[in-house]
């Protein structure tokens, strides 16, 4: 993460790279690619880079996510308003007790933890004290079609800026009981993806970096790239997140199983300590065959069938093949679902 110089010196390089990614022939004049420094082209580039900040957070060792995500986390955030509100990917701040942002001049500033939304994966912080940073302009991720040229920008490493293309728009299901209906997949990959800003060719923020993946173009075509959470998922929940510290309800029922798809079967790779699934006797290695008597073959289908059975506090039935049993018998296991927010050790 840069600590002693701005990334604005990369402006000329950004222009050269963006020339490789012109807009589609059908694009309107307003969708022209970013221009080199000078006149209004300079303001467009500064709009891309000016709001980029680094994020560093500290998480207690007894946090639920400390083992998987670590106790010292760092990534990128995007300033999205004049008050210093910073948008990032939620796992950077999840269960954190302290946070700071690193500005492009290398100065570190304390930041308040504002909100985390599990359904989208967004996180919010606010820089303490006055700042002189140009906030990013929010664009429309809905208008971002496959094949569109984009730029992902991160705070870190020798190559924080990655020109790319949108290679697919599709459902993404994460093993941590996470489902995003319209994820953005880009290639090539930005290695500093955590919280990276995805910008369209007009310099507008259209996504926040979440993961590096090997199937960006689709499950049958191995392409190394990134998954971004679309910015349009933020717009209807932003006010509620700022006011309450989390996204709007109702919350999905949470079981506490971490699954992996293997040839049309869901194998439980881990069961969260103290989770409803653990209390119901679900074990690592068990195979999920269905939910509420209906067959499932992938994570997205499994989550939808679980969530259709009710919210936190509901009895959720899943159909499980016990790997430790000598008999190939599918058992119905009833799990009293919980709210994941209650299980996490979130700072107040």
Protein backbone atom coordinates (compact mmCIF):
# COMPACT_ATOMS: atom_id res chain seq x y z
CA UNK A 1 0.00 0.00 0.00
CA UNK A 2 1.52 3.36 -0.97
CA UNK A 3 2.58 5.43 2.01
CA UNK A 4 4.67 8.21 0.60
CA UNK A 5 3.39 9.24 -2.79
CA UNK A 6 0.15 9.76 -4.72
CA UNK A 7 -1.00 7.43 -7.49
CA UNK A 8 -1.95 10.48 -9.55
CA UNK A 9 1.41 10.23 -11.31
CA UNK A 10 -0.14 7.26 -13.16
CA UNK A 11 -2.59 9.48 -15.06
CA UNK A 12 -0.68 9.38 -18.37
CA UNK A 13 -0.33 5.61 -18.11
CA UNK A 14 -4.05 5.28 -17.44
CA UNK A 15 -4.81 7.13 -20.65
CA UNK A 16 -2.49 4.94 -22.67
CA UNK A 17 -4.08 1.80 -21.29
CA UNK A 18 -7.62 3.03 -21.77
CA UNK A 19 -6.97 3.52 -25.45
CA UNK A 20 -6.89 -0.27 -25.64
CA UNK A 21 -10.47 -0.43 -24.38
CA UNK A 22 -12.69 1.87 -26.47
CA UNK A 23 -16.44 1.86 -25.86
CA UNK A 24 -18.75 -0.24 -28.03
CA UNK A 25 -19.61 1.16 -31.43
CA UNK A 26 -23.17 1.75 -30.23
CA UNK A 27 -22.08 3.93 -27.32
CA UNK A 28 -23.24 7.52 -27.14
CA UNK A 29 -20.80 10.48 -27.30
CA UNK A 30 -21.10 10.78 -23.52
CA UNK A 31 -19.59 7.31 -23.17
CA UNK A 32 -16.30 8.26 -24.83
CA UNK A 33 -13.19 6.85 -23.13
CA UNK A 34 -11.35 8.92 -20.55
CA UNK A 35 -9.03 11.45 -22.12
CA UNK A 36 -5.44 12.40 -21.19
CA UNK A 37 -4.72 15.15 -18.62
CA UNK A 38 -5.90 18.55 -19.70
CA UNK A 39 -9.25 20.29 -20.03
CA UNK A 40 -12.20 18.21 -18.85
CA UNK A 41 -10.24 14.97 -19.45
CA UNK A 42 -8.16 15.72 -16.39
CA UNK A 43 -11.20 16.13 -14.18
CA UNK A 44 -12.55 12.77 -15.37
CA UNK A 45 -9.33 10.98 -14.45
CA UNK A 46 -9.08 12.74 -11.14
CA UNK A 47 -12.64 11.60 -10.47
CA UNK A 48 -11.43 8.03 -10.94
CA UNK A 49 -8.33 8.31 -8.77
CA UNK A 50 -9.05 11.12 -6.34
CA UNK A 51 -11.39 9.17 -4.08
CA UNK A 52 -9.24 6.04 -3.76
CA UNK A 53 -7.97 5.39 -0.23
CA UNK A 54 -6.28 2.52 1.53
CA UNK A 55 -7.96 0.76 4.45
CA UNK A 56 -6.35 -0.91 7.46
CA UNK A 57 -8.38 -2.59 10.18
CA UNK A 58 -7.68 -4.49 13.39
CA UNK A 59 -9.84 -7.43 14.43
CA UNK A 60 -9.74 -9.16 17.86
CA UNK A 61 -8.27 -12.64 18.02
CA UNK A 62 -11.53 -14.02 19.40
CA UNK A 63 -13.57 -12.72 16.47
CA UNK A 64 -15.55 -15.34 14.58
CA UNK A 65 -13.78 -14.44 11.33
CA UNK A 66 -10.27 -14.03 12.73
CA UNK A 67 -9.20 -17.52 11.71
CA UNK A 68 -10.34 -17.23 8.10
CA UNK A 69 -9.82 -13.53 7.36
CA UNK A 70 -7.05 -12.61 9.82
CA UNK A 71 -6.75 -10.00 12.54
CA UNK A 72 -4.88 -7.39 10.48
CA UNK A 73 -6.67 -6.62 7.21
CA UNK A 74 -5.97 -4.13 4.47
CA UNK A 75 -7.42 -3.22 1.12
CA UNK A 76 -9.03 -0.36 -0.76
CA UNK A 77 -11.95 1.98 -0.20
CA UNK A 78 -13.69 4.63 -2.29
CA UNK A 79 -14.80 7.98 -0.86
CA UNK A 80 -18.40 8.45 -2.02
CA UNK A 81 -19.49 11.73 -0.41
CA UNK A 82 -18.18 15.05 0.89
CA UNK A 83 -18.41 13.95 4.53
CA UNK A 84 -15.74 11.26 4.07
CA UNK A 85 -18.03 8.24 3.79
CA UNK A 86 -15.95 5.36 2.38
CA UNK A 87 -17.38 2.36 0.55
CA UNK A 88 -15.44 -0.91 0.61
CA UNK A 89 -15.95 -4.65 0.64
CA UNK A 90 -17.41 -5.76 3.94
CA UNK A 91 -14.95 -8.47 4.93
CA UNK A 92 -12.24 -5.84 5.42
CA UNK A 93 -14.18 -4.31 8.32
CA UNK A 94 -16.16 -7.31 9.55
CA UNK A 95 -15.80 -7.62 13.37
CA UNK A 96 -13.10 -4.90 13.36
CA UNK A 97 -12.63 -2.78 16.47
CA UNK A 98 -10.49 -0.06 14.87
CA UNK A 99 -9.85 1.25 11.37
CA UNK A 100 -7.84 3.88 9.54
CA UNK A 101 -7.61 5.07 5.98
CA UNK A 102 -4.47 5.97 4.06
CA UNK A 103 -4.81 8.96 1.77
CA UNK A 104 -2.86 9.30 -1.44
CA UNK A 105 -0.35 11.66 0.17
CA UNK A 106 0.54 8.83 2.54
CA UNK A 107 -1.18 10.33 5.55
CA UNK A 108 -3.14 7.94 7.78
CA UNK A 109 -6.44 9.07 9.28
CA UNK A 110 -8.63 7.29 11.83
CA UNK A 111 -11.98 6.09 10.56
CA UNK A 112 -15.24 5.14 12.23
CA UNK A 113 -16.88 1.82 11.41
CA UNK A 114 -20.30 2.65 9.98
CA UNK A 115 -22.03 -0.41 8.54
CA UNK A 116 -21.81 -3.93 7.15
CA UNK A 117 -24.39 -5.64 4.95
CA UNK A 118 -24.11 -9.40 4.54
CA UNK A 119 -26.62 -9.68 1.71
CA UNK A 120 -24.57 -7.50 -0.66
CA UNK A 121 -21.14 -7.70 0.97
CA UNK A 122 -20.72 -3.90 1.22
CA UNK A 123 -19.00 -2.17 4.11
CA UNK A 124 -18.93 1.52 5.10
CA UNK A 125 -16.49 3.63 7.09
CA UNK A 126 -16.27 7.36 7.71
CA UNK A 127 -13.01 9.29 7.83
CA UNK A 128 -12.77 11.28 11.06
CA UNK A 129 -12.25 15.01 10.62
CA UNK A 130 -12.36 17.22 7.52
CA UNK A 131 -10.86 15.96 4.26
CA UNK A 132 -10.04 17.38 0.86
CA UNK A 133 -10.83 14.44 -1.39
CA UNK A 134 -12.91 14.36 -4.55
CA UNK A 135 -15.68 11.77 -4.01
CA UNK A 136 -16.35 9.21 -6.71
CA UNK A 137 -19.40 9.61 -8.92
CA UNK A 138 -21.74 6.62 -8.76
CA UNK A 139 -22.56 5.16 -12.14
CA UNK A 140 -25.04 2.52 -13.27
CA UNK A 141 -23.89 -1.08 -13.07
CA UNK A 142 -27.12 -2.19 -14.70
CA UNK A 143 -26.01 -0.51 -17.93
CA UNK A 144 -22.64 -2.30 -17.84
CA UNK A 145 -22.86 -4.98 -20.52
CA UNK A 146 -20.59 -7.92 -21.25
CA UNK A 147 -17.65 -6.75 -23.35
CA UNK A 148 -17.60 -3.25 -21.88
CA UNK A 149 -14.22 -1.72 -21.10
CA UNK A 150 -13.63 -0.93 -17.43
CA UNK A 151 -10.79 0.01 -15.09
CA UNK A 152 -10.26 -1.42 -11.61
CA UNK A 153 -8.28 0.79 -9.24
CA UNK A 154 -6.76 -0.30 -5.94
CA UNK A 155 -4.50 1.20 -3.32
CA UNK A 156 -1.54 -1.13 -3.20
CA UNK A 157 1.39 -2.70 -5.00
CA UNK A 158 3.24 -1.61 -8.09
CA UNK A 159 0.24 -2.03 -10.43
CA UNK A 160 -2.80 -0.56 -8.69
CA UNK A 161 -4.61 0.17 -11.96
CA UNK A 162 -5.90 -2.67 -14.15
CA UNK A 163 -7.67 -2.00 -17.47
CA UNK A 164 -10.09 -4.85 -18.09
CA UNK A 165 -13.28 -5.96 -19.76
CA UNK A 166 -16.53 -7.28 -18.39
CA UNK A 167 -16.44 -10.95 -19.37
CA UNK A 168 -19.72 -12.06 -17.78
CA UNK A 169 -22.73 -10.96 -15.73
CA UNK A 170 -24.31 -13.77 -13.74
CA UNK A 171 -25.31 -15.20 -10.38
CA UNK A 172 -22.53 -15.75 -7.84
CA UNK A 173 -22.93 -18.08 -4.88
CA UNK A 174 -20.32 -18.01 -2.11
CA UNK A 175 -19.61 -20.91 0.20
CA UNK A 176 -20.35 -18.71 3.25
CA UNK A 177 -24.13 -18.67 2.56
CA UNK A 178 -23.89 -15.69 0.23
CA UNK A 179 -25.81 -15.13 -2.99
CA UNK A 180 -25.42 -12.26 -5.43
CA UNK A 181 -27.94 -12.35 -8.25
CA UNK A 182 -26.09 -10.09 -10.72
CA UNK A 183 -22.34 -10.13 -10.10
CA UNK A 184 -19.84 -8.44 -12.42
CA UNK A 185 -16.91 -10.56 -13.62
CA UNK A 186 -13.90 -8.92 -15.27
CA UNK A 187 -10.58 -10.00 -16.76
CA UNK A 188 -7.65 -9.74 -16.47
CA UNK A 189 -7.49 -9.88 -12.68
CA UNK A 190 -6.43 -7.07 -10.39
CA UNK A 191 -4.35 -8.81 -7.69
CA UNK A 192 -5.30 -6.11 -5.16
CA UNK A 193 -9.02 -6.82 -5.51
CA UNK A 194 -10.26 -6.34 -1.93
CA UNK A 195 -12.40 -3.19 -2.04
CA UNK A 196 -10.98 -2.09 -5.40
CA UNK A 197 -13.13 0.37 -7.33
CA UNK A 198 -14.48 -0.64 -10.73
CA UNK A 199 -14.98 2.36 -13.02
CA UNK A 200 -16.67 2.65 -16.40
CA UNK A 201 -15.21 4.60 -19.31
CA UNK A 202 -16.78 7.82 -18.07
CA UNK A 203 -15.01 7.58 -14.72
CA UNK A 204 -18.09 6.51 -12.76
CA UNK A 205 -17.96 3.92 -9.97
CA UNK A 206 -19.88 0.79 -11.01
CA UNK A 207 -18.61 -1.92 -8.66
CA UNK A 208 -16.56 -2.88 -5.60
CA UNK A 209 -13.96 -5.65 -5.75
CA UNK A 210 -14.68 -8.80 -3.80
CA UNK A 211 -12.72 -11.81 -5.07
CA UNK A 212 -10.23 -13.22 -7.53
CA UNK A 213 -11.73 -16.15 -9.45
CA UNK A 214 -10.65 -18.72 -12.03
CA UNK A 215 -14.00 -18.89 -13.85
CA UNK A 216 -14.64 -15.23 -14.67
CA UNK A 217 -16.04 -16.03 -18.11
CA UNK A 218 -18.24 -18.86 -16.82
CA UNK A 219 -17.97 -22.25 -15.13
CA UNK A 220 -16.97 -24.05 -18.35
CA UNK A 221 -14.33 -21.56 -19.47
CA UNK A 222 -11.33 -21.08 -17.14
CA UNK A 223 -10.44 -17.37 -17.12
CA UNK A 224 -8.53 -15.67 -14.29
CA UNK A 225 -10.36 -12.53 -13.22
CA UNK A 226 -12.24 -10.67 -10.50
CA UNK A 227 -15.77 -10.62 -9.13
CA UNK A 228 -17.25 -7.20 -8.33
CA UNK A 229 -20.38 -6.33 -6.37
CA UNK A 230 -22.49 -4.02 -8.58
CA UNK A 231 -22.94 -0.46 -7.34
CA UNK A 232 -26.66 -0.50 -8.09
CA UNK A 233 -27.07 -2.94 -5.19
CA UNK A 234 -25.91 -0.15 -2.86
CA UNK A 235 -28.29 2.61 -3.92
CA UNK A 236 -31.54 1.32 -2.33
CA UNK A 237 -29.86 0.34 0.96
CA UNK A 238 -27.29 3.08 1.54
CA UNK A 239 -29.49 5.29 3.72
CA UNK A 240 -30.55 2.38 5.92
CA UNK A 241 -26.94 1.18 6.27
CA UNK A 242 -25.78 4.60 7.47
CA UNK A 243 -28.68 4.90 9.91
CA UNK A 244 -28.69 1.38 11.36
CA UNK A 245 -25.24 -0.13 10.78
CA UNK A 246 -26.57 -2.93 8.59
CA UNK A 247 -28.65 -3.51 5.51
CA UNK A 248 -32.45 -3.57 5.55
CA UNK A 249 -34.25 -6.68 6.72
CA UNK A 250 -35.60 -9.19 6.94
CA UNK A 251 -32.41 -11.19 7.41
CA UNK A 252 -31.95 -14.54 5.71
CA UNK A 253 -31.91 -17.62 7.95
CA UNK A 254 -28.34 -18.63 8.71
CA UNK A 255 -27.23 -22.25 9.23
CA UNK A 256 -23.44 -21.99 9.54
CA UNK A 257 -22.36 -24.43 6.81
CA UNK A 258 -19.53 -23.80 4.34
CA UNK A 259 -20.07 -25.84 1.19
CA UNK A 260 -18.26 -26.76 -2.00
CA UNK A 261 -19.77 -27.99 -5.25
CA UNK A 262 -18.38 -31.32 -6.44
CA UNK A 263 -19.94 -32.91 -9.54
CA UNK A 264 -23.46 -31.77 -8.80
CA UNK A 265 -23.23 -32.43 -5.07
CA UNK A 266 -22.73 -30.02 -2.16
CA UNK A 267 -20.06 -31.21 0.24
CA UNK A 268 -19.85 -29.54 3.64
CA UNK A 269 -16.24 -28.43 4.02
CA UNK A 270 -16.67 -26.79 7.42
CA UNK A 271 -19.30 -26.15 10.07
CA UNK A 272 -19.09 -22.87 12.00
CA UNK A 273 -18.38 -23.20 15.71
CA UNK A 274 -21.48 -22.61 17.77
CA UNK A 275 -23.67 -22.41 14.68
CA UNK A 276 -27.19 -23.81 14.32
CA UNK A 277 -25.87 -26.51 11.97
CA UNK A 278 -23.31 -27.67 14.53
CA UNK A 279 -25.96 -27.79 17.24
CA UNK A 280 -28.17 -29.90 14.96
CA UNK A 281 -25.39 -32.46 14.40
CA UNK A 282 -24.30 -31.52 10.89
CA UNK A 283 -20.64 -32.51 10.29
CA UNK A 284 -17.77 -31.76 7.97
CA UNK A 285 -17.85 -34.22 5.07
CA UNK A 286 -21.64 -34.59 5.02
CA UNK A 287 -23.23 -34.21 1.59
CA UNK A 288 -26.26 -31.98 1.14
CA UNK A 289 -28.69 -33.68 -1.22
CA UNK A 290 -31.65 -31.35 -0.86
CA UNK A 291 -33.59 -28.86 1.23
CA UNK A 292 -37.12 -29.43 2.53
CA UNK A 293 -37.39 -32.58 0.43
CA UNK A 294 -36.39 -30.88 -2.85
CA UNK A 295 -33.21 -31.92 -4.64
CA UNK A 296 -30.44 -29.31 -5.02
CA UNK A 297 -27.33 -29.50 -7.18
CA UNK A 298 -25.60 -26.18 -6.55
CA UNK A 299 -25.16 -23.55 -3.85
CA UNK A 300 -27.51 -20.98 -5.37
CA UNK A 301 -30.36 -23.48 -5.54
CA UNK A 302 -29.63 -24.65 -2.00
CA UNK A 303 -29.72 -21.12 -0.55
CA UNK A 304 -32.96 -20.27 -2.30
CA UNK A 305 -34.66 -23.42 -0.98
CA UNK A 306 -33.35 -22.79 2.55
CA UNK A 307 -34.40 -19.12 2.55
CA UNK A 308 -37.87 -20.04 1.26
CA UNK A 309 -38.51 -21.94 4.51
CA UNK A 310 -38.51 -18.85 6.73
CA UNK A 311 -36.26 -16.37 8.48
CA UNK A 312 -34.04 -16.52 11.58
CA UNK A 313 -35.72 -18.59 14.28
CA UNK A 314 -37.45 -20.85 11.75
CA UNK A 315 -36.96 -24.60 11.57
CA UNK A 316 -35.08 -25.31 8.34
CA UNK A 317 -35.01 -28.86 6.97
CA UNK A 318 -32.09 -30.07 4.88
CA UNK A 319 -31.54 -33.52 3.37
CA UNK A 320 -28.11 -34.90 4.19
CA UNK A 321 -26.09 -37.96 3.31
CA UNK A 322 -23.93 -38.76 6.35
CA UNK A 323 -20.42 -39.60 5.15
CA UNK A 324 -19.67 -41.38 8.42
CA UNK A 325 -22.59 -43.76 8.16
CA UNK A 326 -22.14 -47.26 6.68
CA UNK A 327 -25.59 -46.96 5.12
CA UNK A 328 -26.34 -44.69 2.17
CA UNK A 329 -29.36 -43.15 3.85
CA UNK A 330 -30.47 -39.59 3.25
CA UNK A 331 -31.48 -38.07 6.57
CA UNK A 332 -33.72 -35.09 7.14
CA UNK A 333 -32.07 -32.75 9.63
CA UNK A 334 -34.04 -29.95 11.22
CA UNK A 335 -32.00 -26.84 12.04
CA UNK A 336 -33.26 -23.88 14.06
CA UNK A 337 -31.87 -21.07 11.91
CA UNK A 338 -30.25 -17.99 13.42
CA UNK A 339 -29.39 -14.45 12.37
CA UNK A 340 -25.73 -14.34 11.29
CA UNK A 341 -25.38 -10.85 12.77
CA UNK A 342 -26.14 -12.30 16.22
CA UNK A 343 -23.40 -14.91 15.84
CA UNK A 344 -20.74 -12.43 14.73
CA UNK A 345 -18.91 -10.46 17.39
CA UNK A 346 -19.58 -7.04 15.94
CA UNK A 347 -18.30 -3.85 17.53
CA UNK A 348 -21.11 -1.62 18.74
